[in-house]
């Protein structure tokens, strides 16, 4: 097991330079999670990983194992000694445990969930307290690309639109696809086959900007991609259509967005909210207050004969 882990460690090191460059491009708040999302997005578009049965549990298990590995490595560094493997309490080593040589991967045995920790009650209780404090976060991971996966498609979303990715046979052409957009519903299917999607949206769509494409994916499949434009561009969807698996939108952790990527109306709303919030923090009038004051000044200029010394606009 240690030999396999060391081989994986050396393989990962080979790609450090390339991965570091990609990570550097994900600047801002949540850069690391956005980097992971980019990797998952690449796999969704260029592999069959997400079509495998139980892939969500496999990925969750891999994440938990790496978290345990990190914690074990951290404890090892703090204690200045290697983490003993299982059953070491009953069979002490015949010689002191030496630290690994420079540039050599540390050989650490990480306990799986179903293995018993025999390193002592104090370590067991410490790990239990630490895991309890993080249990809620582990139970609700952020959805991949703010979307999810069903048995028929993978979907992602931004505040502006929802994208649905459906893998279809290589023989499917555009003329074989039937896609019907309505403000509150969506129909997607292949001629002569049962519908893939035929249900109502959770929120309204703007059919003026909805579209779809079908293009080569891999050697034996094609990708049918659906673009659904949202009416409310300040709201996350919890599913593509009602009746399909839902995500918890409270767990979405969007990365930093460029305001220039938003449409004009949304940009204006966001800028107004940012300005008003900044003015309130400084104790200054908001955009609404300034607009009222401007109206009063214009009215006063038009009626110089009137006394406005005690005038107020509500």
Protein backbone atom coordinates (compact mmCIF):
# COMPACT_ATOMS: atom_id res chain seq x y z
CA UNK A 1 0.00 0.00 0.00
CA UNK A 2 2.84 2.40 0.88
CA UNK A 3 4.60 1.62 -2.41
CA UNK A 4 1.42 2.46 -4.33
CA UNK A 5 0.95 5.73 -2.43
CA UNK A 6 4.59 6.69 -3.10
CA UNK A 7 4.12 5.99 -6.82
CA UNK A 8 1.03 8.21 -6.89
CA UNK A 9 2.97 10.90 -5.01
CA UNK A 10 5.78 10.85 -7.59
CA UNK A 11 3.25 10.91 -10.46
CA UNK A 12 1.54 13.97 -8.94
CA UNK A 13 4.86 15.77 -8.55
CA UNK A 14 5.51 15.46 -12.29
CA UNK A 15 2.57 17.80 -12.98
CA UNK A 16 3.25 20.36 -10.22
CA UNK A 17 4.54 23.04 -12.60
CA UNK A 18 1.56 22.82 -14.96
CA UNK A 19 -0.98 22.66 -12.12
CA UNK A 20 0.68 25.57 -10.32
CA UNK A 21 0.30 27.72 -13.44
CA UNK A 22 -3.40 26.82 -13.74
CA UNK A 23 -3.96 27.52 -10.03
CA UNK A 24 -2.28 30.91 -10.45
CA UNK A 25 -4.90 31.83 -13.06
CA UNK A 26 -7.69 31.21 -10.50
CA UNK A 27 -7.14 34.36 -8.49
CA UNK A 28 -9.43 35.83 -5.88
CA UNK A 29 -11.68 34.46 -3.18
CA UNK A 30 -12.23 30.71 -3.41
CA UNK A 31 -9.39 30.21 -5.91
CA UNK A 32 -8.63 26.67 -4.75
CA UNK A 33 -12.25 25.48 -5.01
CA UNK A 34 -12.62 27.14 -8.42
CA UNK A 35 -9.46 25.29 -9.51
CA UNK A 36 -11.02 21.97 -8.41
CA UNK A 37 -14.24 22.88 -10.25
CA UNK A 38 -12.20 23.54 -13.40
CA UNK A 39 -10.71 20.04 -13.16
CA UNK A 40 -14.16 18.49 -12.69
CA UNK A 41 -15.55 20.53 -15.60
CA UNK A 42 -12.71 19.26 -17.82
CA UNK A 43 -13.45 15.66 -16.82
CA UNK A 44 -17.18 16.14 -17.43
CA UNK A 45 -16.50 17.33 -20.98
CA UNK A 46 -13.61 15.04 -21.88
CA UNK A 47 -14.19 11.76 -20.05
CA UNK A 48 -16.90 9.33 -19.02
CA UNK A 49 -16.22 9.77 -15.30
CA UNK A 50 -19.58 11.30 -14.41
CA UNK A 51 -21.49 8.63 -16.27
CA UNK A 52 -20.06 5.95 -13.97
CA UNK A 53 -22.33 4.49 -11.31
CA UNK A 54 -21.64 5.80 -7.80
CA UNK A 55 -19.06 8.36 -8.97
CA UNK A 56 -20.31 10.92 -6.42
CA UNK A 57 -19.52 8.55 -3.53
CA UNK A 58 -16.13 7.69 -5.04
CA UNK A 59 -15.17 11.35 -5.36
CA UNK A 60 -16.46 12.08 -1.83
CA UNK A 61 -14.39 9.19 -0.47
CA UNK A 62 -11.30 10.42 -2.31
CA UNK A 63 -11.73 13.92 -0.85
CA UNK A 64 -12.17 12.58 2.68
CA UNK A 65 -9.11 10.34 2.32
CA UNK A 66 -6.96 13.30 1.21
CA UNK A 67 -8.25 15.40 4.10
CA UNK A 68 -7.28 12.63 6.52
CA UNK A 69 -3.87 12.37 4.82
CA UNK A 70 -3.32 16.11 5.22
CA UNK A 71 -4.30 16.00 8.91
CA UNK A 72 -2.11 12.98 9.56
CA UNK A 73 0.84 14.69 7.84
CA UNK A 74 0.24 17.84 9.87
CA UNK A 75 0.13 15.94 13.16
CA UNK A 76 3.28 14.10 12.14
CA UNK A 77 5.08 17.36 11.47
CA UNK A 78 3.97 18.81 14.82
CA UNK A 79 5.02 15.68 16.76
CA UNK A 80 8.26 15.27 14.82
CA UNK A 81 7.69 11.59 14.10
CA UNK A 82 5.96 9.35 11.57
CA UNK A 83 2.39 8.18 12.03
CA UNK A 84 2.51 4.55 13.18
CA UNK A 85 0.56 2.04 11.07
CA UNK A 86 -2.35 0.02 12.50
CA UNK A 87 -1.52 -2.52 15.26
CA UNK A 88 1.70 -0.66 16.09
CA UNK A 89 0.53 -0.33 19.71
CA UNK A 90 0.81 -4.09 20.20
CA UNK A 91 3.96 -4.44 18.07
CA UNK A 92 6.41 -1.60 18.76
CA UNK A 93 9.11 -1.06 16.10
CA UNK A 94 12.49 -2.65 16.70
CA UNK A 95 14.31 0.59 15.91
CA UNK A 96 13.49 4.31 16.11
CA UNK A 97 11.45 5.73 13.26
CA UNK A 98 13.60 8.01 11.17
CA UNK A 99 12.41 11.00 9.20
CA UNK A 100 12.28 10.59 5.41
CA UNK A 101 15.19 11.85 3.37
CA UNK A 102 14.88 15.16 1.55
CA UNK A 103 12.63 15.05 -1.57
CA UNK A 104 11.43 11.58 -0.56
CA UNK A 105 7.64 11.22 -0.12
CA UNK A 106 6.67 10.64 3.48
CA UNK A 107 5.36 7.13 4.07
CA UNK A 108 2.14 7.56 6.00
CA UNK A 109 -0.52 4.96 6.65
CA UNK A 110 -3.94 6.66 6.61
CA UNK A 111 -6.73 4.78 8.34
CA UNK A 112 -9.88 4.10 6.35
CA UNK A 113 -13.30 4.67 7.90
CA UNK A 114 -13.78 0.98 8.73
CA UNK A 115 -10.32 0.44 10.25
CA UNK A 116 -9.76 0.71 14.00
CA UNK A 117 -7.41 3.39 15.29
CA UNK A 118 -5.18 1.81 17.90
CA UNK A 119 -2.80 4.73 18.40
CA UNK A 120 -4.40 5.71 21.70
CA UNK A 121 -7.57 7.16 23.12
CA UNK A 122 -6.24 10.72 23.23
CA UNK A 123 -5.55 10.80 19.47
CA UNK A 124 -8.88 9.10 18.78
CA UNK A 125 -10.81 11.66 20.84
CA UNK A 126 -8.92 14.55 19.26
CA UNK A 127 -9.72 13.30 15.76
CA UNK A 128 -13.37 12.77 16.73
CA UNK A 129 -13.74 16.34 18.04
CA UNK A 130 -12.08 17.71 14.92
CA UNK A 131 -14.25 15.65 12.59
CA UNK A 132 -17.44 16.59 14.48
CA UNK A 133 -16.75 20.30 13.95
CA UNK A 134 -16.46 19.71 10.19
CA UNK A 135 -19.28 17.19 9.79
CA UNK A 136 -21.83 19.72 8.59
CA UNK A 137 -19.45 21.10 5.94
CA UNK A 138 -18.64 17.60 4.68
CA UNK A 139 -22.31 16.68 4.51
CA UNK A 140 -23.09 19.62 2.22
CA UNK A 141 -20.31 20.08 -0.35
CA UNK A 142 -20.61 22.92 -2.84
CA UNK A 143 -22.27 21.70 -6.06
CA UNK A 144 -19.93 21.27 -9.01
CA UNK A 145 -20.03 24.33 -11.27
CA UNK A 146 -23.14 25.39 -9.29
CA UNK A 147 -25.11 22.53 -10.88
CA UNK A 148 -25.49 18.78 -10.60
CA UNK A 149 -25.72 15.38 -12.26
CA UNK A 150 -28.69 13.18 -13.11
CA UNK A 151 -28.93 9.82 -14.87
CA UNK A 152 -29.69 11.65 -18.13
CA UNK A 153 -27.54 14.79 -18.12
CA UNK A 154 -25.00 17.01 -16.37
CA UNK A 155 -25.86 20.66 -15.75
CA UNK A 156 -24.10 23.82 -14.64
CA UNK A 157 -25.23 27.39 -14.09
CA UNK A 158 -24.21 31.00 -13.67
CA UNK A 159 -26.51 33.78 -12.50
CA UNK A 160 -27.32 34.50 -16.15
CA UNK A 161 -27.99 31.04 -17.61
CA UNK A 162 -28.23 27.28 -17.14
CA UNK A 163 -26.29 24.87 -19.35
CA UNK A 164 -27.36 21.23 -19.80
CA UNK A 165 -24.98 18.62 -21.29
CA UNK A 166 -26.54 15.46 -22.75
CA UNK A 167 -24.42 12.68 -24.26
CA UNK A 168 -26.03 11.23 -27.41
CA UNK A 169 -24.94 8.52 -29.89
CA UNK A 170 -22.48 9.40 -32.64
CA UNK A 171 -25.19 8.95 -35.28
CA UNK A 172 -27.36 11.78 -33.87
CA UNK A 173 -27.37 14.93 -36.02
CA UNK A 174 -29.03 18.27 -35.49
CA UNK A 175 -32.04 17.23 -37.59
CA UNK A 176 -32.64 14.29 -35.24
CA UNK A 177 -32.92 16.52 -32.16
CA UNK A 178 -36.19 18.05 -30.95
CA UNK A 179 -35.71 20.96 -28.53
CA UNK A 180 -38.65 23.19 -27.61
CA UNK A 181 -38.17 26.23 -25.37
CA UNK A 182 -41.12 27.76 -23.54
CA UNK A 183 -41.03 30.45 -20.83
CA UNK A 184 -41.86 27.92 -18.10
CA UNK A 185 -41.00 24.52 -19.62
CA UNK A 186 -38.47 22.59 -21.68
CA UNK A 187 -38.76 19.62 -24.05
CA UNK A 188 -35.66 17.76 -25.25
CA UNK A 189 -35.69 14.52 -27.19
CA UNK A 190 -34.38 12.48 -30.09
CA UNK A 191 -36.85 11.69 -32.88
CA UNK A 192 -38.37 8.22 -32.49
CA UNK A 193 -37.23 7.90 -28.86
CA UNK A 194 -38.70 8.71 -25.44
CA UNK A 195 -38.22 12.34 -24.27
CA UNK A 196 -35.04 13.09 -22.37
CA UNK A 197 -36.53 16.17 -20.65
CA UNK A 198 -40.20 17.15 -20.62
CA UNK A 199 -41.12 19.25 -17.58
CA UNK A 200 -41.45 22.74 -16.11
CA UNK A 201 -38.57 24.94 -15.00
CA UNK A 202 -38.27 25.89 -11.32
CA UNK A 203 -38.11 29.54 -12.46
CA UNK A 204 -38.99 31.49 -15.60
CA UNK A 205 -36.71 31.48 -18.65
CA UNK A 206 -36.11 34.11 -21.31
CA UNK A 207 -36.76 32.19 -24.55
CA UNK A 208 -35.32 35.02 -26.67
CA UNK A 209 -31.82 33.94 -25.68
CA UNK A 210 -32.30 30.17 -25.28
CA UNK A 211 -30.51 27.98 -27.82
CA UNK A 212 -28.88 24.58 -28.30
CA UNK A 213 -26.05 22.90 -30.20
CA UNK A 214 -24.92 19.35 -30.96
CA UNK A 215 -21.25 18.63 -31.66
CA UNK A 216 -18.67 15.83 -31.55
CA UNK A 217 -17.66 14.87 -28.03
CA UNK A 218 -15.51 11.75 -28.27
CA UNK A 219 -14.90 9.09 -30.87
CA UNK A 220 -18.16 7.25 -30.17
CA UNK A 221 -20.47 10.01 -28.82
CA UNK A 222 -21.70 13.55 -29.43
CA UNK A 223 -22.71 16.26 -26.95
CA UNK A 224 -26.11 17.97 -27.07
CA UNK A 225 -25.76 21.25 -25.15
CA UNK A 226 -28.78 23.29 -24.04
CA UNK A 227 -28.43 26.97 -23.10
CA UNK A 228 -31.30 28.31 -20.94
CA UNK A 229 -31.34 32.06 -20.29
CA UNK A 230 -32.80 33.15 -16.95
CA UNK A 231 -35.33 35.95 -16.48
CA UNK A 232 -34.19 36.61 -12.90
CA UNK A 233 -30.44 36.97 -13.22
CA UNK A 234 -29.91 37.36 -9.48
CA UNK A 235 -31.18 33.90 -8.49
CA UNK A 236 -29.72 30.39 -8.44
CA UNK A 237 -31.81 27.46 -9.71
CA UNK A 238 -32.03 24.33 -7.55
CA UNK A 239 -32.67 22.07 -10.59
CA UNK A 240 -33.11 22.21 -14.36
CA UNK A 241 -36.73 21.04 -14.33
CA UNK A 242 -39.13 20.11 -11.55
CA UNK A 243 -39.05 16.44 -10.61
CA UNK A 244 -35.33 16.00 -11.29
CA UNK A 245 -32.71 15.89 -8.49
CA UNK A 246 -32.27 19.21 -6.69
CA UNK A 247 -29.19 20.88 -5.23
CA UNK A 248 -28.96 23.00 -2.08
CA UNK A 249 -28.41 26.51 -3.42
CA UNK A 250 -27.32 27.63 0.06
CA UNK A 251 -24.07 25.70 -0.44
CA UNK A 252 -23.13 27.46 -3.69
CA UNK A 253 -19.84 29.32 -3.33
CA UNK A 254 -19.44 31.34 -6.53
CA UNK A 255 -16.03 32.76 -7.37
CA UNK A 256 -15.35 36.40 -8.00
CA UNK A 257 -17.36 37.59 -11.02
CA UNK A 258 -16.36 40.34 -13.41
CA UNK A 259 -19.15 42.90 -13.39
CA UNK A 260 -18.49 43.55 -17.08
CA UNK A 261 -19.72 40.02 -17.80
CA UNK A 262 -23.23 40.93 -16.60
CA UNK A 263 -25.92 42.42 -18.82
CA UNK A 264 -26.59 46.16 -18.69
CA UNK A 265 -29.61 46.05 -16.35
CA UNK A 266 -27.89 43.71 -13.90
CA UNK A 267 -24.72 45.83 -13.98
CA UNK A 268 -26.78 48.92 -13.14
CA UNK A 269 -28.53 47.15 -10.25
CA UNK A 270 -25.29 45.76 -8.82
CA UNK A 271 -23.49 49.13 -9.10
CA UNK A 272 -26.41 50.89 -7.38
CA UNK A 273 -26.39 48.36 -4.53
CA UNK A 274 -22.61 48.71 -4.12
CA UNK A 275 -22.82 52.52 -4.12
CA UNK A 276 -25.69 52.62 -1.59
CA UNK A 277 -23.91 50.17 0.71
CA UNK A 278 -20.72 52.22 0.59
CA UNK A 279 -22.62 55.46 1.26
CA UNK A 280 -24.40 53.93 4.28
CA UNK A 281 -21.11 52.73 5.72
CA UNK A 282 -19.74 56.30 5.50
CA UNK A 283 -22.95 57.86 6.84
CA UNK A 284 -23.65 59.60 3.55
CA UNK A 285 -26.92 59.83 1.55
CA UNK A 286 -27.83 56.90 -0.71
CA UNK A 287 -28.71 57.19 -4.39
CA UNK A 288 -32.40 57.49 -3.42
CA UNK A 289 -31.65 60.32 -0.98
CA UNK A 290 -29.56 62.13 -3.59
CA UNK A 291 -32.35 61.79 -6.17
CA UNK A 292 -34.89 63.31 -3.74
CA UNK A 293 -32.54 66.19 -2.95
CA UNK A 294 -32.00 66.83 -6.67
CA UNK A 295 -35.78 66.95 -7.21
CA UNK A 296 -36.15 69.47 -4.39
CA UNK A 297 -33.39 71.68 -5.77
CA UNK A 298 -35.02 71.73 -9.21
CA UNK A 299 -38.42 72.57 -7.75
CA UNK A 300 -36.91 75.37 -5.64
CA UNK A 301 -35.25 76.85 -8.74
CA UNK A 302 -38.57 76.80 -10.59
CA UNK A 303 -40.42 78.51 -7.69
CA UNK A 304 -38.14 81.16 -6.15
CA UNK A 305 -41.17 82.92 -4.62
CA UNK A 306 -41.85 80.02 -2.25
CA UNK A 307 -40.24 79.44 1.15
CA UNK A 308 -38.60 76.02 1.39
CA UNK A 309 -36.74 76.53 4.65
CA UNK A 310 -38.73 73.78 6.38
CA UNK A 311 -39.51 71.66 3.31
CA UNK A 312 -38.96 67.91 3.43
CA UNK A 313 -39.49 65.28 0.76
CA UNK A 314 -40.51 61.79 1.88
